[in-house]
Amino acid sequence: MRRVLIVMLMMLLAMPAYAQRMGGGGGKQAGSKNDQAQAKEEQEKKRAVEEGYKDALKRIPDKAPPADPWKNMR
């Protein structure tokens, strides 16, 4: 009897973790046209952000060499 209670308790404790692993589609179809359009828009936004980032990196000036006041004395 004690073992049965322990097993049932373990099952009850494991149920929330199992439910999180299920993925839960929420009743949506994975291949609907609306989802595909949203995915395409997200990809375009991501590409635009990446291009902006790369352009910003190109505009950063090169680091100037450190000033050496004893340069001509050596």
C-alpha atoms as a PDB file:
ATOM      1  CA  MET A   1       0.000   0.000   0.000  1.00  0.00           C
ATOM      2  CA  ARG A   2       2.811   2.326   0.872  1.00  0.00           C
ATOM      3  CA  ARG A   3       4.552   1.709  -2.442  1.00  0.00           C
ATOM      4  CA  VAL A   4       1.362   2.437  -4.352  1.00  0.00           C
ATOM      5  CA  LEU A   5       1.018   5.792  -2.585  1.00  0.00           C
ATOM      6  CA  ILE A   6       4.643   6.662  -3.314  1.00  0.00           C
ATOM      7  CA  VAL A   7       4.245   5.791  -7.000  1.00  0.00           C
ATOM      8  CA  MET A   8       1.029   7.822  -7.250  1.00  0.00           C
ATOM      9  CA  LEU A   9       2.682  10.772  -5.538  1.00  0.00           C
ATOM     10  CA  MET A  10       5.616  10.611  -7.958  1.00  0.00           C
ATOM     11  CA  MET A  11       3.218  10.529 -10.908  1.00  0.00           C
ATOM     12  CA  LEU A  12       1.351  13.564  -9.612  1.00  0.00           C
ATOM     13  CA  LEU A  13       4.574  15.492  -9.174  1.00  0.00           C
ATOM     14  CA  ALA A  14       5.774  14.586 -12.674  1.00  0.00           C
ATOM     15  CA  MET A  15       2.556  15.631 -14.449  1.00  0.00           C
ATOM     16  CA  PRO A  16       3.351  19.386 -14.725  1.00  0.00           C
ATOM     17  CA  ALA A  17       6.755  18.656 -16.272  1.00  0.00           C
ATOM     18  CA  TYR A  18       5.180  16.262 -18.758  1.00  0.00           C
ATOM     19  CA  ALA A  19       2.550  18.849 -19.681  1.00  0.00           C
ATOM     20  CA  GLN A  20       5.232  21.438 -20.409  1.00  0.00           C
ATOM     21  CA  ARG A  21       7.044  19.015 -22.696  1.00  0.00           C
ATOM     22  CA  MET A  22       3.949  18.369 -24.785  1.00  0.00           C
ATOM     23  CA  GLY A  23       4.419  21.545 -26.825  1.00  0.00           C
ATOM     24  CA  GLY A  24       0.762  22.535 -26.788  1.00  0.00           C
ATOM     25  CA  GLY A  25      -0.168  23.705 -30.269  1.00  0.00           C
ATOM     26  CA  GLY A  26      -3.207  25.519 -28.934  1.00  0.00           C
ATOM     27  CA  GLY A  27      -5.367  24.048 -31.691  1.00  0.00           C
ATOM     28  CA  LYS A  28      -3.501  25.858 -34.484  1.00  0.00           C
ATOM     29  CA  GLN A  29      -2.457  24.148 -37.653  1.00  0.00           C
ATOM     30  CA  ALA A  30       1.279  24.306 -38.123  1.00  0.00           C
ATOM     31  CA  GLY A  31       1.195  24.950 -41.869  1.00  0.00           C
ATOM     32  CA  SER A  32      -1.482  27.630 -42.135  1.00  0.00           C
ATOM     33  CA  LYS A  33      -0.925  30.488 -44.585  1.00  0.00           C
ATOM     34  CA  ASN A  34      -1.166  33.083 -41.824  1.00  0.00           C
ATOM     35  CA  ASP A  35       1.684  31.451 -39.907  1.00  0.00           C
ATOM     36  CA  GLN A  36       3.783  31.242 -43.060  1.00  0.00           C
ATOM     37  CA  ALA A  37       3.210  34.944 -43.800  1.00  0.00           C
ATOM     38  CA  GLN A  38       4.183  35.892 -40.259  1.00  0.00           C
ATOM     39  CA  ALA A  39       7.310  33.754 -40.461  1.00  0.00           C
ATOM     40  CA  LYS A  40       8.279  35.416 -43.745  1.00  0.00           C
ATOM     41  CA  GLU A  41       7.757  38.889 -42.233  1.00  0.00           C
ATOM     42  CA  GLU A  42       9.886  37.951 -39.220  1.00  0.00           C
ATOM     43  CA  GLN A  43      12.677  36.738 -41.504  1.00  0.00           C
ATOM     44  CA  GLU A  44      12.572  40.007 -43.471  1.00  0.00           C
ATOM     45  CA  LYS A  45      12.713  42.045 -40.263  1.00  0.00           C
ATOM     46  CA  LYS A  46      15.610  39.952 -38.983  1.00  0.00           C
ATOM     47  CA  ARG A  47      17.487  40.399 -42.257  1.00  0.00           C
ATOM     48  CA  ALA A  48      16.915  44.179 -42.153  1.00  0.00           C
ATOM     49  CA  VAL A  49      18.202  44.360 -38.579  1.00  0.00           C
ATOM     50  CA  GLU A  50      21.295  42.327 -39.474  1.00  0.00           C
ATOM     51  CA  GLU A  51      22.034  44.557 -42.477  1.00  0.00           C
ATOM     52  CA  GLY A  52      21.684  47.653 -40.313  1.00  0.00           C
ATOM     53  CA  TYR A  53      24.054  46.158 -37.764  1.00  0.00           C
ATOM     54  CA  LYS A  54      26.657  45.347 -40.421  1.00  0.00           C
ATOM     55  CA  ASP A  55      26.363  48.857 -41.898  1.00  0.00           C
ATOM     56  CA  ALA A  56      26.833  50.384 -38.460  1.00  0.00           C
ATOM     57  CA  LEU A  57      29.976  48.298 -37.922  1.00  0.00           C
ATOM     58  CA  LYS A  58      31.407  49.558 -41.209  1.00  0.00           C
ATOM     59  CA  ARG A  59      30.890  53.184 -40.142  1.00  0.00           C
ATOM     60  CA  ILE A  60      32.950  52.802 -36.971  1.00  0.00           C
ATOM     61  CA  PRO A  61      36.305  54.477 -37.592  1.00  0.00           C
ATOM     62  CA  ASP A  62      39.542  52.573 -37.129  1.00  0.00           C
ATOM     63  CA  LYS A  63      41.238  52.953 -33.797  1.00  0.00           C
ATOM     64  CA  ALA A  64      43.965  55.592 -33.873  1.00  0.00           C
ATOM     65  CA  PRO A  65      47.410  54.437 -32.815  1.00  0.00           C
ATOM     66  CA  PRO A  66      48.351  55.479 -29.292  1.00  0.00           C
ATOM     67  CA  ALA A  67      50.222  58.745 -28.979  1.00  0.00           C
ATOM     68  CA  ASP A  68      53.933  58.298 -28.303  1.00  0.00           C
ATOM     69  CA  PRO A  69      55.559  61.576 -27.222  1.00  0.00           C
ATOM     70  CA  TRP A  70      59.065  60.028 -27.217  1.00  0.00           C
ATOM     71  CA  LYS A  71      58.762  58.690 -30.740  1.00  0.00           C
ATOM     72  CA  ASN A  72      61.410  60.990 -32.247  1.00  0.00           C
ATOM     73  CA  MET A  73      63.804  60.669 -29.311  1.00  0.00           C
ATOM     74  CA  ARG A  74      64.428  56.957 -29.629  1.00  0.00           C
END
